[in-house]
Amino acid sequence: MDGNNRANIRQGTHVLIVQKQDQRTEKLTEGIVKDILTNSSTHPHGIKVRLESGIVGRVKRILL
């Protein structure tokens, strides 16, 4: 699943995100969602989240 739809993402979801400084290289960071920061239901670049580690980025892929 992709991370453009807020309904697919919940606290505790295992995801791959791209951090702001990694957007050009598309380097992905893996983690567990702590907070959802995007208020809209969709976003073309991915829903912005904060991981349990404190890292903030946009969800590129949801892992099962």
C-alpha atoms as a PDB file:
ATOM      1  CA  MET A   1       0.000   0.000   0.000  1.00  0.00           C
ATOM      2  CA  ASP A   2       1.123   3.531  -0.620  1.00  0.00           C
ATOM      3  CA  GLY A   3       1.115   6.270   1.976  1.00  0.00           C
ATOM      4  CA  ASN A   4      -1.007   8.857   0.157  1.00  0.00           C
ATOM      5  CA  ASN A   5      -4.285   7.947   1.890  1.00  0.00           C
ATOM      6  CA  ARG A   6      -4.648   8.859   5.588  1.00  0.00           C
ATOM      7  CA  ALA A   7      -7.278   6.140   6.146  1.00  0.00           C
ATOM      8  CA  ASN A   8      -4.603   3.446   5.569  1.00  0.00           C
ATOM      9  CA  ILE A   9      -2.357   4.748   8.366  1.00  0.00           C
ATOM     10  CA  ARG A  10      -2.903   4.326  12.108  1.00  0.00           C
ATOM     11  CA  GLN A  11      -0.762   4.592  15.220  1.00  0.00           C
ATOM     12  CA  GLY A  12       1.377   1.473  15.418  1.00  0.00           C
ATOM     13  CA  THR A  13       1.482   0.937  11.636  1.00  0.00           C
ATOM     14  CA  HIS A  14       4.839  -0.306  10.291  1.00  0.00           C
ATOM     15  CA  VAL A  15       5.909   2.058   7.480  1.00  0.00           C
ATOM     16  CA  LEU A  16       8.731   3.282   5.247  1.00  0.00           C
ATOM     17  CA  ILE A  17       9.085   7.080   5.192  1.00  0.00           C
ATOM     18  CA  VAL A  18      11.247   9.592   3.363  1.00  0.00           C
ATOM     19  CA  GLN A  19      12.694  12.385   5.493  1.00  0.00           C
ATOM     20  CA  LYS A  20      12.864  15.975   4.190  1.00  0.00           C
ATOM     21  CA  GLN A  21      16.647  15.872   3.681  1.00  0.00           C
ATOM     22  CA  ASP A  22      16.371  12.519   1.836  1.00  0.00           C
ATOM     23  CA  GLN A  23      13.689  13.534  -0.680  1.00  0.00           C
ATOM     24  CA  ARG A  24      16.153  13.912  -3.566  1.00  0.00           C
ATOM     25  CA  THR A  25      17.771  10.508  -2.990  1.00  0.00           C
ATOM     26  CA  GLU A  26      14.520   8.763  -1.939  1.00  0.00           C
ATOM     27  CA  LYS A  27      16.393   7.108   0.969  1.00  0.00           C
ATOM     28  CA  LEU A  28      13.728   5.360   3.043  1.00  0.00           C
ATOM     29  CA  THR A  29      13.587   5.039   6.820  1.00  0.00           C
ATOM     30  CA  GLU A  30      11.657   2.222   8.489  1.00  0.00           C
ATOM     31  CA  GLY A  31       9.662   2.648  11.667  1.00  0.00           C
ATOM     32  CA  ILE A  32       6.407   2.512  13.618  1.00  0.00           C
ATOM     33  CA  VAL A  33       3.931   5.425  13.426  1.00  0.00           C
ATOM     34  CA  LYS A  34       3.520   7.370  16.683  1.00  0.00           C
ATOM     35  CA  ASP A  35       1.596  10.438  15.416  1.00  0.00           C
ATOM     36  CA  ILE A  36      -0.100  11.408  12.147  1.00  0.00           C
ATOM     37  CA  LEU A  37       0.765  15.027  11.339  1.00  0.00           C
ATOM     38  CA  THR A  38      -1.185  15.561   8.088  1.00  0.00           C
ATOM     39  CA  ASN A  39      -4.792  16.627   8.676  1.00  0.00           C
ATOM     40  CA  SER A  40      -6.116  16.144   5.130  1.00  0.00           C
ATOM     41  CA  SER A  41      -7.431  12.749   4.007  1.00  0.00           C
ATOM     42  CA  THR A  42      -4.918  12.480   1.133  1.00  0.00           C
ATOM     43  CA  HIS A  43      -1.629  14.059   0.120  1.00  0.00           C
ATOM     44  CA  PRO A  44       0.144  13.584  -3.236  1.00  0.00           C
ATOM     45  CA  HIS A  45       3.600  13.228  -1.633  1.00  0.00           C
ATOM     46  CA  GLY A  46       2.516  11.013   1.258  1.00  0.00           C
ATOM     47  CA  ILE A  47       0.962  11.523   4.681  1.00  0.00           C
ATOM     48  CA  LYS A  48       3.375  13.178   7.132  1.00  0.00           C
ATOM     49  CA  VAL A  49       3.964  11.168  10.315  1.00  0.00           C
ATOM     50  CA  ARG A  50       6.223  11.074  13.362  1.00  0.00           C
ATOM     51  CA  LEU A  51       7.763   7.691  14.116  1.00  0.00           C
ATOM     52  CA  GLU A  52       8.259   6.291  17.626  1.00  0.00           C
ATOM     53  CA  SER A  53      11.942   7.207  17.211  1.00  0.00           C
ATOM     54  CA  GLY A  54      10.946  10.880  16.763  1.00  0.00           C
ATOM     55  CA  ILE A  55      11.838  11.021  13.048  1.00  0.00           C
ATOM     56  CA  VAL A  56       9.357  12.974  10.884  1.00  0.00           C
ATOM     57  CA  GLY A  57       8.717  12.208   7.235  1.00  0.00           C
ATOM     58  CA  ARG A  58       6.195  11.308   4.570  1.00  0.00           C
ATOM     59  CA  VAL A  59       4.926   7.739   4.232  1.00  0.00           C
ATOM     60  CA  LYS A  60       6.042   6.109   0.982  1.00  0.00           C
ATOM     61  CA  ARG A  61       5.045   2.508   1.729  1.00  0.00           C
ATOM     62  CA  ILE A  62       3.018   0.685   4.350  1.00  0.00           C
ATOM     63  CA  LEU A  63       4.544  -2.618   5.451  1.00  0.00           C
ATOM     64  CA  LEU A  64       2.415  -5.546   6.560  1.00  0.00           C
END
